[in-house]
Amino acid sequence: MKLELICEKPKGQAHATPLLFVHGKWHAAWCWAEHFLPYFAGHGYTSYALSLRGHGASEARERLRWTSIADYVADVTQVAGQMETPPALIGHSMGGFITQKYLETHTAPAAILLTSIPPSGLWPTTWLVFRRHPGVFMKALATLRLYPMVGTPALAREALFSANMPGEKAAAYQKRLQDESFRAYLDELGLNLVRPKRVTAPLLVIGAENDTVIPLKGARATAQAYRTEAALFPNMAHDVMLEEGWKAVADRILEFLKERGL
């Protein structure tokens, strides 16, 4: 599979463990290149971000609708397997769910779940979206497309960004969003949920106070599944890697990596 892979390397000596960033729904590798890749490279980590199949410049866009979570896990496996040293994984939203599925059958020195879909799936989020925007939700079901959920600047801001993000910046990010796999959404509803007992890697779970996609209850549920506590960030929304307060999140990840000796 031909997958887009963006890399930022440190100017000096690199840490032994590289980082692999896995994006969520509607995004691609570009969302990490904005802040996180250069920031972590500046702290000595060789940092990679892939675009899952059907996203960004990766192939298989024409098969996106029926791409499964297992397919996405295969993409992560492919990229991680090409590295000399197993990477620490950082997954956002659906990327966090994919990271959990990957860790069911693979080892990693550490993993960070950013506003991740919980192991139990997306039913709570589905009900929230349906109550807020029943017309948009029904359009998504009728067309088997998830793009309508973020298809306007207003919808994207409500789902992904805080009110304090400048309007022009939020609108620019919305223009870069794309459609997402409907099959993967079905997997997240119940066809292929995570089995936390199979995950042995040390995890950091991060939630955002103003997240309307994965509310704090979801972040706490994810942390509880792995017998840890979530790190919760105030005044931030779902896209913590693009939010105005992204640096505080990145610094917490750096702290976690150092705690693990990575």
Protein backbone atom coordinates (compact mmCIF):
# COMPACT_ATOMS: atom_id res chain seq x y z
CA MET A 1 0.00 0.00 0.00
CA LYS A 2 1.41 3.39 -0.99
CA LEU A 3 0.98 5.61 2.05
CA GLU A 4 1.89 9.25 2.49
CA LEU A 5 4.47 9.58 5.24
CA ILE A 6 5.73 12.91 6.60
CA CYS A 7 8.87 12.96 8.71
CA GLU A 8 10.59 15.59 10.85
CA LYS A 9 14.06 14.70 12.13
CA PRO A 10 16.00 16.31 14.96
CA LYS A 11 18.93 18.51 14.03
CA GLY A 12 21.09 16.88 16.68
CA GLN A 13 21.22 13.40 18.16
CA ALA A 14 17.85 11.66 18.19
CA HIS A 15 16.23 9.64 20.95
CA ALA A 16 16.35 5.91 20.29
CA THR A 17 12.54 5.62 20.09
CA PRO A 18 10.81 7.32 17.14
CA LEU A 19 7.24 8.62 17.26
CA LEU A 20 4.43 7.63 14.91
CA PHE A 21 1.37 9.89 14.75
CA VAL A 22 -1.98 8.46 13.60
CA HIS A 23 -4.70 10.90 12.54
CA GLY A 24 -8.43 10.67 13.10
CA LYS A 25 -11.56 10.98 10.99
CA TRP A 26 -11.59 13.54 8.17
CA HIS A 27 -7.90 14.40 8.66
CA ALA A 28 -4.59 13.26 7.20
CA ALA A 29 -0.89 13.58 8.06
CA TRP A 30 -1.08 17.35 7.58
CA CYS A 31 -2.77 17.83 10.97
CA TRP A 32 0.42 16.76 12.74
CA ALA A 33 2.76 18.77 10.53
CA GLU A 34 1.19 22.02 11.73
CA HIS A 35 2.63 21.93 15.27
CA PHE A 36 3.45 18.50 16.67
CA LEU A 37 6.01 17.14 14.18
CA PRO A 38 8.39 20.11 14.34
CA TYR A 39 7.89 20.48 18.08
CA PHE A 40 8.76 16.88 18.92
CA ALA A 41 11.63 16.86 16.43
CA GLY A 42 12.90 19.95 18.23
CA HIS A 43 12.93 17.88 21.40
CA GLY A 44 15.02 15.13 19.83
CA TYR A 45 12.39 12.72 18.51
CA THR A 46 12.32 11.46 14.95
CA SER A 47 8.65 12.07 14.23
CA TYR A 48 6.53 10.43 11.56
CA ALA A 49 2.92 11.01 10.53
CA LEU A 50 1.14 8.78 8.04
CA SER A 51 -1.96 9.38 6.02
CA LEU A 52 -4.14 6.28 6.30
CA ARG A 53 -5.27 4.72 3.03
CA GLY A 54 -7.81 6.90 1.26
CA HIS A 55 -6.53 10.01 3.06
CA GLY A 56 -4.19 12.79 2.05
CA ALA A 57 -1.79 11.64 -0.67
CA SER A 58 -2.16 7.93 0.14
CA GLU A 59 -3.74 5.61 -2.39
CA ALA A 60 -7.15 3.87 -2.32
CA ARG A 61 -9.29 7.01 -2.11
CA GLU A 62 -11.80 5.31 -4.43
CA ARG A 63 -12.29 2.49 -1.90
CA LEU A 64 -12.56 4.73 1.14
CA ARG A 65 -16.25 4.14 1.92
CA TRP A 66 -15.76 0.45 2.73
CA THR A 67 -12.29 0.64 4.28
CA SER A 68 -12.29 -1.13 7.64
CA ILE A 69 -10.57 -0.44 10.93
CA ALA A 70 -8.55 -3.60 10.25
CA ASP A 71 -7.34 -2.00 7.01
CA TYR A 72 -6.21 1.07 8.92
CA VAL A 73 -4.44 -1.13 11.48
CA ALA A 74 -2.64 -2.78 8.56
CA ASP A 75 -1.44 0.67 7.46
CA VAL A 76 0.00 1.38 10.90
CA THR A 77 1.57 -2.07 10.96
CA GLN A 78 3.17 -1.46 7.57
CA VAL A 79 4.71 1.86 8.57
CA ALA A 80 5.79 0.79 12.06
CA GLY A 81 7.30 -2.40 10.63
CA GLN A 82 9.60 -0.37 8.38
CA MET A 83 11.24 1.34 11.35
CA GLU A 84 14.44 -0.01 12.88
CA THR A 85 13.06 0.58 16.39
CA PRO A 86 9.42 0.09 17.40
CA PRO A 87 7.84 3.54 17.65
CA ALA A 88 5.78 5.08 20.40
CA LEU A 89 2.33 5.76 18.94
CA ILE A 90 0.23 8.91 19.26
CA GLY A 91 -3.32 8.48 17.99
CA HIS A 92 -6.04 11.12 17.77
CA SER A 93 -9.77 10.29 17.87
CA MET A 94 -10.27 7.43 15.37
CA GLY A 95 -6.47 7.24 15.28
CA GLY A 96 -6.57 6.48 19.00
CA PHE A 97 -9.05 3.68 18.36
CA ILE A 98 -6.79 2.33 15.59
CA THR A 99 -3.82 2.56 17.93
CA GLN A 100 -5.68 0.49 20.54
CA LYS A 101 -6.56 -2.13 17.92
CA TYR A 102 -2.93 -2.22 16.77
CA LEU A 103 -1.78 -2.78 20.34
CA GLU A 104 -4.04 -5.81 20.70
CA THR A 105 -1.54 -7.75 18.57
CA HIS A 106 1.64 -5.62 18.62
CA THR A 107 3.96 -4.26 21.27
CA ALA A 108 5.06 -0.65 21.61
CA PRO A 109 7.23 1.14 24.16
CA ALA A 110 4.33 3.55 24.85
CA ALA A 111 1.17 4.98 23.34
CA ILE A 112 -0.74 8.22 23.77
CA LEU A 113 -4.47 8.45 23.08
CA LEU A 114 -5.64 12.00 22.27
CA THR A 115 -9.41 12.57 22.63
CA SER A 116 -9.70 8.98 21.49
CA ILE A 117 -12.76 6.93 20.67
CA PRO A 118 -13.24 4.70 23.74
CA PRO A 119 -12.76 0.93 23.51
CA SER A 120 -16.54 0.53 23.78
CA GLY A 121 -17.09 2.54 20.60
CA LEU A 122 -19.07 5.46 19.25
CA TRP A 123 -22.68 4.91 20.33
CA PRO A 124 -22.65 7.76 22.89
CA THR A 125 -21.20 10.17 20.31
CA THR A 126 -23.72 8.99 17.73
CA TRP A 127 -26.63 9.87 20.01
CA LEU A 128 -25.12 13.27 20.77
CA VAL A 129 -24.76 14.10 17.08
CA PHE A 130 -28.25 12.85 16.29
CA ARG A 131 -29.79 15.03 18.99
CA ARG A 132 -27.88 18.15 17.91
CA HIS A 133 -28.18 17.76 14.14
CA PRO A 134 -30.76 15.12 13.14
CA GLY A 135 -30.95 16.37 9.56
CA VAL A 136 -27.20 16.21 9.04
CA PHE A 137 -27.05 12.79 10.67
CA MET A 138 -29.82 11.41 8.44
CA LYS A 139 -28.05 12.79 5.37
CA ALA A 140 -24.90 10.94 6.40
CA LEU A 141 -26.86 7.71 6.77
CA ALA A 142 -28.71 8.17 3.48
CA THR A 143 -25.51 8.79 1.52
CA LEU A 144 -23.20 6.47 3.54
CA ARG A 145 -20.83 9.43 3.88
CA LEU A 146 -19.49 11.02 7.06
CA TYR A 147 -18.33 14.28 5.49
CA PRO A 148 -21.68 16.02 6.08
CA MET A 149 -20.85 15.97 9.81
CA VAL A 150 -18.09 18.54 9.18
CA GLY A 151 -19.26 19.82 5.81
CA THR A 152 -19.54 23.50 6.77
CA PRO A 153 -17.24 25.79 8.76
CA ALA A 154 -19.88 26.04 11.49
CA LEU A 155 -20.26 22.26 11.84
CA ALA A 156 -16.50 21.72 11.80
CA ARG A 157 -15.95 24.37 14.47
CA GLU A 158 -18.64 22.86 16.70
CA ALA A 159 -17.18 19.38 16.35
CA LEU A 160 -13.45 20.07 16.39
CA PHE A 161 -12.45 23.52 17.60
CA SER A 162 -12.89 25.82 20.57
CA ALA A 163 -14.57 29.21 20.35
CA ASN A 164 -11.22 30.90 20.95
CA MET A 165 -9.72 29.60 17.69
CA PRO A 166 -9.54 32.45 15.15
CA GLY A 167 -12.32 32.13 12.58
CA GLU A 168 -10.02 32.29 9.56
CA LYS A 169 -7.84 29.52 10.96
CA ALA A 170 -10.82 27.27 11.71
CA ALA A 171 -12.19 27.88 8.20
CA ALA A 172 -8.81 27.04 6.65
CA TYR A 173 -8.66 23.75 8.55
CA GLN A 174 -12.23 22.90 7.54
CA LYS A 175 -11.27 23.22 3.88
CA ARG A 176 -8.65 20.49 4.38
CA LEU A 177 -11.08 17.98 5.86
CA GLN A 178 -12.25 15.08 3.70
CA ASP A 179 -14.76 12.26 3.69
CA GLU A 180 -14.30 9.25 5.96
CA SER A 181 -14.97 5.52 5.75
CA PHE A 182 -18.52 4.51 6.58
CA ARG A 183 -17.39 0.92 7.20
CA ALA A 184 -14.89 2.11 9.82
CA TYR A 185 -17.74 3.93 11.55
CA LEU A 186 -19.72 0.67 11.66
CA ASP A 187 -16.67 -1.06 13.15
CA GLU A 188 -16.59 1.63 15.85
CA LEU A 189 -20.26 1.06 16.60
CA GLY A 190 -19.77 -2.62 17.30
CA LEU A 191 -18.40 -4.66 14.40
CA ASN A 192 -14.80 -4.46 15.65
CA LEU A 193 -14.47 -2.98 19.11
CA VAL A 194 -11.30 -2.88 21.19
CA ARG A 195 -10.44 -5.61 23.67
CA PRO A 196 -8.47 -3.67 26.31
CA LYS A 197 -7.23 -6.76 28.14
CA ARG A 198 -5.07 -7.57 25.10
CA VAL A 199 -3.29 -4.19 25.29
CA THR A 200 -0.13 -4.24 27.39
CA ALA A 201 1.69 -1.07 26.31
CA PRO A 202 1.85 1.79 28.84
CA LEU A 203 -0.79 4.38 27.90
CA LEU A 204 -1.37 8.07 28.43
CA VAL A 205 -5.02 9.07 27.91
CA ILE A 206 -5.75 12.73 27.16
CA GLY A 207 -9.17 14.38 27.12
CA ALA A 208 -10.40 17.91 26.42
CA GLU A 209 -12.90 19.82 28.55
CA ASN A 210 -14.86 21.30 25.62
CA ASP A 211 -14.77 18.24 23.37
CA THR A 212 -18.21 17.76 21.80
CA VAL A 213 -17.20 14.58 19.93
CA ILE A 214 -15.64 12.59 22.79
CA PRO A 215 -16.84 14.29 25.99
CA LEU A 216 -14.90 13.97 29.24
CA LYS A 217 -17.00 10.95 30.17
CA GLY A 218 -15.56 9.15 27.15
CA ALA A 219 -11.98 10.06 28.03
CA ARG A 220 -12.50 8.84 31.58
CA ALA A 221 -14.03 5.59 30.29
CA THR A 222 -10.98 4.99 28.11
CA ALA A 223 -8.64 5.62 31.03
CA GLN A 224 -10.69 3.35 33.30
CA ALA A 225 -10.47 0.54 30.74
CA TYR A 226 -6.68 0.69 31.08
CA ARG A 227 -6.61 1.26 34.85
CA THR A 228 -5.16 4.73 34.62
CA GLU A 229 -6.38 8.32 34.94
CA ALA A 230 -7.00 10.67 32.05
CA ALA A 231 -5.07 13.92 31.74
CA LEU A 232 -7.82 16.48 31.11
CA PHE A 233 -7.15 19.84 29.48
CA PRO A 234 -9.44 22.82 30.16
CA ASN A 235 -10.63 25.25 27.48
CA MET A 236 -9.78 22.87 24.65
CA ALA A 237 -11.87 21.01 22.08
CA HIS A 238 -11.48 17.81 20.07
CA ASP A 239 -8.54 18.73 17.80
CA VAL A 240 -6.05 19.23 20.62
CA MET A 241 -3.09 19.11 18.20
CA LEU A 242 -4.45 22.15 16.33
CA GLU A 243 -6.03 24.08 19.19
CA GLU A 244 -4.47 27.29 20.49
CA GLY A 245 -3.31 25.42 23.61
CA TRP A 246 -1.62 22.57 21.71
CA LYS A 247 1.77 23.16 23.38
CA ALA A 248 0.45 22.21 26.84
CA VAL A 249 -0.73 18.89 25.43
CA ALA A 250 2.58 18.30 23.66
CA ASP A 251 4.49 19.04 26.86
CA ARG A 252 2.40 16.50 28.79
CA ILE A 253 3.26 13.90 26.15
CA LEU A 254 6.95 14.78 26.45
CA GLU A 255 6.70 14.38 30.22
CA PHE A 256 5.09 10.94 29.79
CA LEU A 257 7.79 9.82 27.34
CA LYS A 258 10.52 10.93 29.72
CA GLU A 259 8.82 9.10 32.60
CA ARG A 260 9.08 5.95 30.48
CA GLY A 261 12.75 6.60 29.74
CA LEU A 262 12.08 7.13 26.05
